[in-house]
Amino acid sequence: MNFRAMSLVLGTCAALLCGQGFAQSPTPIRGELVAIDATSLTVHRPAGDTVKIAVKPELVVGALKNLALADIKPGSFIGTATKTAPDGKLVAMEVFVFPEAGRGTGEGHYPWNLAPGSMMTNANVDTVVTGVDGRILKLSFKGGSKQVTVPAGVPVVTPAPATRADLVVGKRVFMMATGEPSSLSAARVTVEKDGVVPPM
């Protein structure tokens, strides 16, 4: 993998599912692009508010491509946002399959803001079992392990290339922003491309 491709992969991974490894606690920002200029992206969030994110000319832009559920195999390193079912089981809302260069990014199990009470688990896939409600992934990470059910139809994605030209009003984006709520900034953004919306 050449340097440019490696930078894209690592940048996209960091922009997506990085958890507790940041000096500043990052804020996941997702929504629809409603304005773009040389120094900022304005995003309308699902909650109904609009937030302006400062960016620099060297902003790293990435996208995603779909994978099949069968592409999640033992040995894969993934990030998955989950909700807790009434029976206490963790159920995937989406799965991000890291390229090998991104292994270890944001490793762990911690709160996420995709939905009320949701969690994020970045971990190695130890086993994959086909169950009644979907595939059951047994995951391990430093300090713990979890079991997650991935129902059919849940988005499964991995990084794909994109450029700043792909940032278009109306496209949906995801980024990890840092700073105070009134002055957020981001170094990387993942944008909707070829119909694949960032699901995390």
Protein backbone atom coordinates (compact mmCIF):
# COMPACT_ATOMS: atom_id res chain seq x y z
CA MET A 1 0.00 0.00 0.00
CA ASN A 2 1.48 3.35 -1.00
CA PHE A 3 1.79 6.29 1.40
CA ARG A 4 -1.24 8.15 0.04
CA ALA A 5 -3.47 5.09 0.30
CA MET A 6 -2.17 4.32 3.78
CA SER A 7 -2.91 7.89 4.89
CA LEU A 8 -6.44 7.63 3.52
CA VAL A 9 -7.08 4.35 5.33
CA LEU A 10 -5.71 5.53 8.66
CA GLY A 11 -7.41 8.90 8.35
CA THR A 12 -10.77 7.32 7.58
CA CYS A 13 -10.43 4.86 10.44
CA ALA A 14 -9.59 7.62 12.88
CA ALA A 15 -12.47 9.73 11.62
CA LEU A 16 -14.92 6.92 12.11
CA LEU A 17 -14.70 4.76 15.15
CA CYS A 18 -12.09 6.19 17.45
CA GLY A 19 -13.09 5.95 21.04
CA GLN A 20 -11.20 6.74 24.19
CA GLY A 21 -7.76 7.24 22.72
CA PHE A 22 -8.02 10.98 22.14
CA ALA A 23 -6.59 13.58 24.52
CA GLN A 24 -9.75 15.61 23.97
CA SER A 25 -13.02 13.71 24.08
CA PRO A 26 -14.23 13.81 20.47
CA THR A 27 -17.87 14.47 19.58
CA PRO A 28 -19.42 12.28 16.89
CA ILE A 29 -21.14 14.54 14.35
CA ARG A 30 -23.52 13.09 11.79
CA GLY A 31 -26.13 14.61 9.51
CA GLU A 32 -26.71 16.35 6.19
CA LEU A 33 -24.37 18.92 4.71
CA VAL A 34 -26.26 22.18 4.33
CA ALA A 35 -23.36 24.59 3.65
CA ILE A 36 -19.72 24.30 2.63
CA ASP A 37 -16.95 26.85 2.33
CA ALA A 38 -13.16 26.85 2.43
CA THR A 39 -12.97 26.83 6.22
CA SER A 40 -16.14 25.13 7.48
CA LEU A 41 -18.80 22.49 6.99
CA THR A 42 -22.32 23.13 8.29
CA VAL A 43 -24.26 20.00 9.24
CA HIS A 44 -27.96 19.61 10.00
CA ARG A 45 -28.18 16.88 12.59
CA PRO A 46 -30.97 14.30 13.06
CA ALA A 47 -31.96 15.98 16.34
CA GLY A 48 -32.96 19.03 14.29
CA ASP A 49 -30.15 21.43 15.17
CA THR A 50 -27.41 22.74 12.89
CA VAL A 51 -23.73 22.86 13.78
CA LYS A 52 -20.80 24.54 12.05
CA ILE A 53 -17.52 22.60 12.04
CA ALA A 54 -14.22 24.35 11.29
CA VAL A 55 -11.95 22.56 8.79
CA LYS A 56 -8.57 23.23 7.20
CA PRO A 57 -7.47 22.97 3.55
CA GLU A 58 -5.74 19.66 4.34
CA LEU A 59 -9.03 18.09 5.49
CA VAL A 60 -8.94 14.31 4.90
CA VAL A 61 -12.07 13.10 3.11
CA GLY A 62 -13.08 9.45 2.96
CA ALA A 63 -16.11 7.40 1.98
CA LEU A 64 -17.41 3.88 2.56
CA LYS A 65 -18.36 0.88 0.48
CA ASN A 66 -20.74 -1.92 1.35
CA LEU A 67 -19.62 -5.39 2.36
CA ALA A 68 -21.65 -8.55 2.76
CA LEU A 69 -22.38 -9.92 6.21
CA ALA A 70 -20.38 -12.97 5.15
CA ASP A 71 -17.30 -10.75 4.81
CA ILE A 72 -17.08 -10.52 8.60
CA LYS A 73 -14.76 -13.40 9.44
CA PRO A 74 -12.74 -14.61 12.42
CA GLY A 75 -9.68 -12.40 12.65
CA SER A 76 -11.45 -9.28 11.34
CA PHE A 77 -11.08 -6.12 13.44
CA ILE A 78 -14.41 -4.31 13.54
CA GLY A 79 -16.29 -1.46 15.14
CA THR A 80 -19.97 -1.98 15.82
CA ALA A 81 -22.58 0.29 17.33
CA THR A 82 -25.07 -1.76 19.34
CA LYS A 83 -28.34 -1.46 21.19
CA THR A 84 -29.36 -3.69 24.07
CA ALA A 85 -32.31 -6.00 23.40
CA PRO A 86 -34.94 -6.65 26.11
CA ASP A 87 -33.20 -9.94 26.89
CA GLY A 88 -29.92 -8.08 27.54
CA LYS A 89 -28.20 -9.19 24.35
CA LEU A 90 -26.21 -6.70 22.26
CA VAL A 91 -27.64 -6.23 18.75
CA ALA A 92 -25.64 -4.50 16.01
CA MET A 93 -26.99 -1.36 14.39
CA GLU A 94 -24.06 -1.22 11.96
CA VAL A 95 -20.65 -2.85 11.49
CA PHE A 96 -17.48 -1.14 10.26
CA VAL A 97 -14.78 -3.55 9.08
CA PHE A 98 -11.34 -2.00 9.52
CA PRO A 99 -8.61 -2.65 6.98
CA GLU A 100 -5.62 -4.34 8.55
CA ALA A 101 -3.80 -0.99 8.72
CA GLY A 102 -6.49 0.25 11.12
CA ARG A 103 -6.36 -2.70 13.52
CA GLY A 104 -6.53 -1.52 17.15
CA THR A 105 -8.16 1.86 16.38
CA GLY A 106 -10.36 2.94 19.30
CA GLU A 107 -10.23 -0.54 20.82
CA GLY A 108 -12.69 -1.14 23.64
CA HIS A 109 -16.37 -0.96 24.64
CA TYR A 110 -17.83 2.46 25.47
CA PRO A 111 -20.95 4.65 25.16
CA TRP A 112 -21.92 5.90 21.71
CA ASN A 113 -24.54 8.41 20.57
CA LEU A 114 -26.10 6.72 17.55
CA ALA A 115 -29.23 6.03 19.61
CA PRO A 116 -30.22 6.37 23.28
CA GLY A 117 -28.22 3.86 25.30
CA SER A 118 -26.14 2.69 22.35
CA MET A 119 -22.60 1.41 22.78
CA MET A 120 -19.57 1.13 20.49
CA THR A 121 -17.33 -1.94 20.50
CA ASN A 122 -14.07 -1.91 18.56
CA ALA A 123 -12.65 -5.39 18.81
CA ASN A 124 -11.27 -8.50 17.16
CA VAL A 125 -13.72 -11.09 15.84
CA ASP A 126 -12.87 -14.40 17.53
CA THR A 127 -15.72 -16.53 16.18
CA VAL A 128 -18.71 -16.16 13.87
CA VAL A 129 -21.75 -18.38 14.42
CA THR A 130 -24.98 -18.40 12.41
CA GLY A 131 -27.95 -18.02 14.77
CA VAL A 132 -31.72 -17.73 14.49
CA ASP A 133 -31.62 -13.92 14.57
CA GLY A 134 -28.50 -13.43 12.45
CA ARG A 135 -24.79 -13.93 12.82
CA ILE A 136 -23.40 -14.01 16.32
CA LEU A 137 -19.95 -12.45 16.71
CA LYS A 138 -17.79 -13.23 19.69
CA LEU A 139 -15.51 -10.22 20.12
CA SER A 140 -12.44 -9.61 22.25
CA PHE A 141 -10.61 -6.40 23.13
CA LYS A 142 -8.06 -5.34 25.68
CA GLY A 143 -9.68 -5.91 29.04
CA GLY A 144 -12.83 -7.66 27.94
CA SER A 145 -15.08 -9.48 25.50
CA LYS A 146 -18.62 -9.15 24.16
CA GLN A 147 -21.06 -11.15 22.07
CA VAL A 148 -22.99 -9.26 19.39
CA THR A 149 -25.83 -10.43 17.15
CA VAL A 150 -25.79 -8.94 13.64
CA PRO A 151 -29.25 -9.25 12.04
CA ALA A 152 -29.66 -9.53 8.28
CA GLY A 153 -29.91 -6.12 6.63
CA VAL A 154 -27.68 -4.29 9.11
CA PRO A 155 -25.18 -2.07 7.20
CA VAL A 156 -21.68 -3.57 6.94
CA VAL A 157 -19.10 -1.14 5.52
CA THR A 158 -15.38 -0.55 5.05
CA PRO A 159 -13.37 2.52 3.90
CA ALA A 160 -13.35 3.72 0.30
CA PRO A 161 -11.57 6.69 -1.31
CA ALA A 162 -13.11 10.14 -1.66
CA THR A 163 -11.95 13.71 -2.23
CA ARG A 164 -13.06 17.16 -1.14
CA ALA A 165 -15.03 17.37 -4.39
CA ASP A 166 -17.36 14.71 -2.96
CA LEU A 167 -18.47 17.15 -0.23
CA VAL A 168 -21.71 18.38 -1.75
CA VAL A 169 -24.70 20.05 -0.11
CA GLY A 170 -27.33 17.40 0.56
CA LYS A 171 -24.83 14.59 1.17
CA ARG A 172 -24.72 12.99 4.60
CA VAL A 173 -21.50 12.98 6.57
CA PHE A 174 -19.90 11.65 9.73
CA MET A 175 -16.94 13.09 11.60
CA MET A 176 -15.31 13.15 15.02
CA ALA A 177 -15.08 16.79 16.07
CA THR A 178 -12.99 18.22 18.89
CA GLY A 179 -13.17 21.43 20.88
CA GLU A 180 -15.84 23.24 22.84
CA PRO A 181 -19.47 22.86 21.65
CA SER A 182 -19.38 26.42 20.35
CA SER A 183 -16.13 25.98 18.40
CA LEU A 184 -15.87 22.44 17.05
CA SER A 185 -13.31 21.45 14.43
CA ALA A 186 -12.50 18.30 12.49
CA ALA A 187 -9.47 17.06 10.57
CA ARG A 188 -11.31 14.24 8.77
CA VAL A 189 -14.78 13.60 7.42
CA THR A 190 -16.54 10.60 5.90
CA VAL A 191 -19.08 11.48 3.22
CA GLU A 192 -21.95 9.68 1.51
CA LYS A 193 -20.78 8.39 -1.86
CA ASP A 194 -22.27 6.04 -4.46
CA GLY A 195 -25.36 5.73 -2.31
CA VAL A 196 -23.50 4.50 0.78
CA VAL A 197 -24.38 6.64 3.79
CA PRO A 198 -22.09 6.56 6.85
CA PRO A 199 -24.20 4.38 9.18
CA MET A 200 -22.32 5.02 12.39
